[in-house]
């Protein structure tokens, strides 16, 4: 039972942070506007997080990179251009 509770709390920590928003924002933006949007939005979101009292978070940057990569693949599939 404790193992299940620990795993549930770990999952809650992922959703408590804004990593999902980083991932989805970069994915949707990159899919529609290209990889440049994803990079700019990711860095801007991270700077905003730092200015509101947070620290630089490499996991947020990883979520941005994954979202941008997947979004760019979708972008290429739709528009057939990089």
N, C-alpha and C. Protein backbone atom coordinates (compact mmCIF):
# COMPACT_ATOMS: atom_id res chain seq x y z
N UNK A 1 0.82 -1.20 0.00
CA UNK A 1 0.00 0.00 0.00
C UNK A 1 0.87 1.26 0.00
N UNK A 2 1.94 1.25 0.79
CA UNK A 2 2.82 2.41 0.82
C UNK A 2 3.45 2.67 -0.53
N UNK A 3 3.79 1.60 -1.26
CA UNK A 3 4.40 1.76 -2.58
C UNK A 3 3.43 2.48 -3.52
N UNK A 4 2.17 2.07 -3.50
CA UNK A 4 1.16 2.70 -4.36
C UNK A 4 0.98 4.16 -3.98
N UNK A 5 0.96 4.45 -2.71
CA UNK A 5 0.82 5.82 -2.25
C UNK A 5 2.01 6.68 -2.67
N UNK A 6 3.22 6.13 -2.56
CA UNK A 6 4.41 6.87 -2.99
C UNK A 6 4.36 7.17 -4.49
N UNK A 7 3.96 6.18 -5.29
CA UNK A 7 3.87 6.39 -6.74
C UNK A 7 2.80 7.42 -7.07
N UNK A 8 1.69 7.40 -6.36
CA UNK A 8 0.62 8.37 -6.59
C UNK A 8 1.11 9.78 -6.26
N UNK A 9 1.87 9.91 -5.19
CA UNK A 9 2.42 11.22 -4.83
C UNK A 9 3.45 11.71 -5.85
N UNK A 10 4.24 10.80 -6.40
CA UNK A 10 5.19 11.18 -7.44
C UNK A 10 4.46 11.68 -8.67
N UNK A 11 3.40 11.00 -9.06
CA UNK A 11 2.61 11.44 -10.21
C UNK A 11 1.95 12.79 -9.93
N UNK A 12 1.48 12.99 -8.71
CA UNK A 12 0.87 14.27 -8.35
C UNK A 12 1.89 15.40 -8.44
N UNK A 13 3.14 15.12 -8.11
CA UNK A 13 4.19 16.14 -8.19
C UNK A 13 4.43 16.55 -9.64
N UNK A 14 4.33 15.60 -10.56
CA UNK A 14 4.50 15.94 -11.97
C UNK A 14 3.39 16.88 -12.42
N UNK A 15 2.15 16.59 -12.01
CA UNK A 15 1.03 17.42 -12.43
C UNK A 15 0.94 18.72 -11.63
N UNK A 16 1.54 18.73 -10.44
CA UNK A 16 1.54 19.95 -9.64
C UNK A 16 2.42 21.01 -10.29
N UNK A 17 3.50 20.59 -10.89
CA UNK A 17 4.36 21.55 -11.59
C UNK A 17 3.69 21.92 -12.92
N UNK A 18 4.29 22.83 -13.60
CA UNK A 18 3.70 23.26 -14.87
C UNK A 18 4.41 22.61 -16.06
N UNK A 19 5.03 21.46 -15.85
CA UNK A 19 5.72 20.79 -16.95
C UNK A 19 4.77 20.37 -18.06
N UNK A 20 3.57 19.96 -17.68
CA UNK A 20 2.58 19.58 -18.68
C UNK A 20 2.25 20.79 -19.55
N UNK A 21 2.14 21.97 -18.93
CA UNK A 21 1.87 23.18 -19.71
C UNK A 21 3.05 23.52 -20.61
N UNK A 22 4.27 23.33 -20.13
CA UNK A 22 5.45 23.55 -20.96
C UNK A 22 5.38 22.63 -22.18
N UNK A 23 5.14 21.36 -21.94
CA UNK A 23 5.11 20.38 -23.02
C UNK A 23 4.01 20.69 -24.03
N UNK A 24 2.79 20.90 -23.55
CA UNK A 24 1.67 21.14 -24.46
C UNK A 24 1.80 22.48 -25.19
N UNK A 25 2.26 23.50 -24.49
CA UNK A 25 2.42 24.80 -25.14
C UNK A 25 3.42 24.75 -26.28
N UNK A 26 4.55 24.11 -26.04
CA UNK A 26 5.56 23.99 -27.09
C UNK A 26 5.10 23.07 -28.21
N UNK A 27 4.40 22.01 -27.86
CA UNK A 27 3.91 21.08 -28.88
C UNK A 27 2.91 21.77 -29.81
N UNK A 28 1.91 22.43 -29.25
CA UNK A 28 0.88 23.07 -30.07
C UNK A 28 1.47 24.22 -30.87
N UNK A 29 2.28 25.05 -30.22
CA UNK A 29 2.88 26.17 -30.93
C UNK A 29 3.80 25.73 -32.05
N UNK A 30 4.61 24.71 -31.80
CA UNK A 30 5.52 24.22 -32.83
C UNK A 30 4.76 23.55 -33.97
N UNK A 31 3.68 22.87 -33.64
CA UNK A 31 2.89 22.21 -34.68
C UNK A 31 2.27 23.24 -35.62
N UNK A 32 1.90 24.38 -35.10
CA UNK A 32 1.25 25.39 -35.93
C UNK A 32 2.23 26.38 -36.56
N UNK A 33 3.27 26.76 -35.81
CA UNK A 33 4.13 27.85 -36.26
C UNK A 33 5.59 27.46 -36.50
N UNK A 34 6.01 26.28 -36.11
CA UNK A 34 7.38 25.84 -36.34
C UNK A 34 8.19 25.78 -35.07
N UNK A 35 9.39 25.21 -35.19
CA UNK A 35 10.23 24.97 -34.03
C UNK A 35 10.70 26.25 -33.35
N UNK A 36 10.79 27.33 -34.09
CA UNK A 36 11.24 28.59 -33.50
C UNK A 36 10.29 29.05 -32.40
N UNK A 37 8.99 28.84 -32.64
CA UNK A 37 8.01 29.20 -31.62
C UNK A 37 8.22 28.37 -30.36
N UNK A 38 8.44 27.09 -30.52
CA UNK A 38 8.62 26.21 -29.37
C UNK A 38 9.82 26.60 -28.53
N UNK A 39 10.93 26.92 -29.18
CA UNK A 39 12.14 27.32 -28.45
C UNK A 39 11.90 28.64 -27.72
N UNK A 40 11.32 29.61 -28.42
CA UNK A 40 11.06 30.91 -27.80
C UNK A 40 10.07 30.82 -26.65
N UNK A 41 9.01 30.06 -26.85
CA UNK A 41 7.99 29.92 -25.79
C UNK A 41 8.56 29.18 -24.58
N UNK A 42 9.36 28.17 -24.82
CA UNK A 42 9.95 27.42 -23.72
C UNK A 42 10.88 28.27 -22.88
N UNK A 43 11.76 29.00 -23.54
CA UNK A 43 12.69 29.86 -22.79
C UNK A 43 11.96 30.99 -22.09
N UNK A 44 10.95 31.55 -22.75
CA UNK A 44 10.17 32.62 -22.12
C UNK A 44 9.44 32.11 -20.88
N UNK A 45 8.86 30.92 -20.98
CA UNK A 45 8.16 30.33 -19.83
C UNK A 45 9.13 30.07 -18.68
N UNK A 46 10.32 29.63 -19.00
CA UNK A 46 11.31 29.35 -17.95
C UNK A 46 11.78 30.64 -17.29
N UNK A 47 11.98 31.69 -18.07
CA UNK A 47 12.36 32.98 -17.49
C UNK A 47 11.25 33.52 -16.61
N UNK A 48 9.99 33.35 -17.06
CA UNK A 48 8.86 33.77 -16.24
C UNK A 48 8.83 33.01 -14.91
N UNK A 49 9.09 31.70 -14.97
CA UNK A 49 9.13 30.91 -13.73
C UNK A 49 10.22 31.41 -12.80
N UNK A 50 11.37 31.77 -13.35
CA UNK A 50 12.48 32.26 -12.52
C UNK A 50 12.13 33.60 -11.90
N UNK A 51 11.48 34.48 -12.66
CA UNK A 51 11.16 35.80 -12.14
C UNK A 51 10.09 35.75 -11.05
N UNK A 52 9.29 34.69 -11.04
CA UNK A 52 8.26 34.58 -10.00
C UNK A 52 8.78 33.84 -8.77
N UNK A 53 10.09 33.76 -8.63
CA UNK A 53 10.68 33.20 -7.42
C UNK A 53 11.18 31.78 -7.55
N UNK A 54 11.05 31.18 -8.72
CA UNK A 54 11.51 29.81 -8.90
C UNK A 54 12.97 29.76 -9.28
N UNK A 55 13.41 28.55 -9.59
CA UNK A 55 14.79 28.35 -10.04
C UNK A 55 14.76 27.83 -11.46
N UNK A 56 15.90 27.86 -12.11
CA UNK A 56 16.04 27.26 -13.43
C UNK A 56 15.80 25.77 -13.28
N UNK A 57 14.91 25.21 -14.10
CA UNK A 57 14.52 23.81 -13.96
C UNK A 57 14.80 23.07 -15.26
N UNK A 58 15.77 22.17 -15.23
CA UNK A 58 16.14 21.44 -16.43
C UNK A 58 15.04 20.48 -16.87
N UNK A 59 14.20 20.04 -15.95
CA UNK A 59 13.09 19.17 -16.35
C UNK A 59 12.04 19.94 -17.15
N UNK A 60 11.85 21.23 -16.81
CA UNK A 60 10.97 22.07 -17.63
C UNK A 60 11.56 22.25 -19.03
N UNK A 61 12.87 22.45 -19.11
CA UNK A 61 13.52 22.60 -20.41
C UNK A 61 13.40 21.31 -21.21
N UNK A 62 13.52 20.17 -20.53
CA UNK A 62 13.35 18.88 -21.22
C UNK A 62 11.93 18.74 -21.74
N UNK A 63 10.94 19.15 -20.96
CA UNK A 63 9.55 19.10 -21.41
C UNK A 63 9.36 20.02 -22.61
N UNK A 64 9.99 21.20 -22.58
CA UNK A 64 9.93 22.12 -23.73
C UNK A 64 10.54 21.48 -24.97
N UNK A 65 11.68 20.84 -24.79
CA UNK A 65 12.37 20.23 -25.93
C UNK A 65 11.55 19.07 -26.52
N UNK A 66 10.97 18.26 -25.67
CA UNK A 66 10.15 17.14 -26.16
C UNK A 66 8.92 17.67 -26.88
N UNK A 67 8.26 18.65 -26.30
CA UNK A 67 7.09 19.25 -26.94
C UNK A 67 7.43 19.90 -28.27
N UNK A 68 8.56 20.58 -28.32
CA UNK A 68 8.98 21.22 -29.57
C UNK A 68 9.32 20.19 -30.63
N UNK A 69 10.00 19.13 -30.25
CA UNK A 69 10.36 18.08 -31.20
C UNK A 69 9.13 17.40 -31.77
N UNK A 70 8.22 17.00 -30.92
CA UNK A 70 7.00 16.34 -31.39
C UNK A 70 6.15 17.31 -32.21
N UNK A 71 6.07 18.56 -31.76
CA UNK A 71 5.33 19.57 -32.51
C UNK A 71 5.91 19.82 -33.88
N UNK A 72 7.22 19.80 -33.99
CA UNK A 72 7.85 20.02 -35.29
C UNK A 72 7.60 18.83 -36.22
N UNK A 73 7.56 17.63 -35.68
CA UNK A 73 7.24 16.46 -36.50
C UNK A 73 5.81 16.59 -37.03
N UNK A 74 4.89 17.01 -36.17
CA UNK A 74 3.51 17.24 -36.62
C UNK A 74 3.46 18.36 -37.65
N UNK A 75 4.21 19.43 -37.41
CA UNK A 75 4.28 20.55 -38.35
C UNK A 75 4.74 20.08 -39.73
N UNK A 76 5.78 19.26 -39.73
CA UNK A 76 6.29 18.75 -41.01
C UNK A 76 5.25 17.87 -41.68
N UNK A 77 4.54 17.06 -40.91
CA UNK A 77 3.53 16.19 -41.49
C UNK A 77 2.39 16.99 -42.10
N UNK A 78 2.06 18.13 -41.51
CA UNK A 78 0.97 18.95 -42.02
C UNK A 78 1.41 19.81 -43.20
N UNK A 79 2.51 20.54 -43.04
CA UNK A 79 2.91 21.54 -44.02
C UNK A 79 3.99 21.06 -44.98
N UNK A 80 4.63 19.93 -44.71
CA UNK A 80 5.66 19.35 -45.56
C UNK A 80 6.85 20.28 -45.79
N UNK A 81 7.17 21.06 -44.77
CA UNK A 81 8.35 21.91 -44.84
C UNK A 81 8.88 22.14 -43.43
N UNK A 82 10.16 22.38 -43.32
CA UNK A 82 10.78 22.66 -42.03
C UNK A 82 10.63 24.11 -41.79
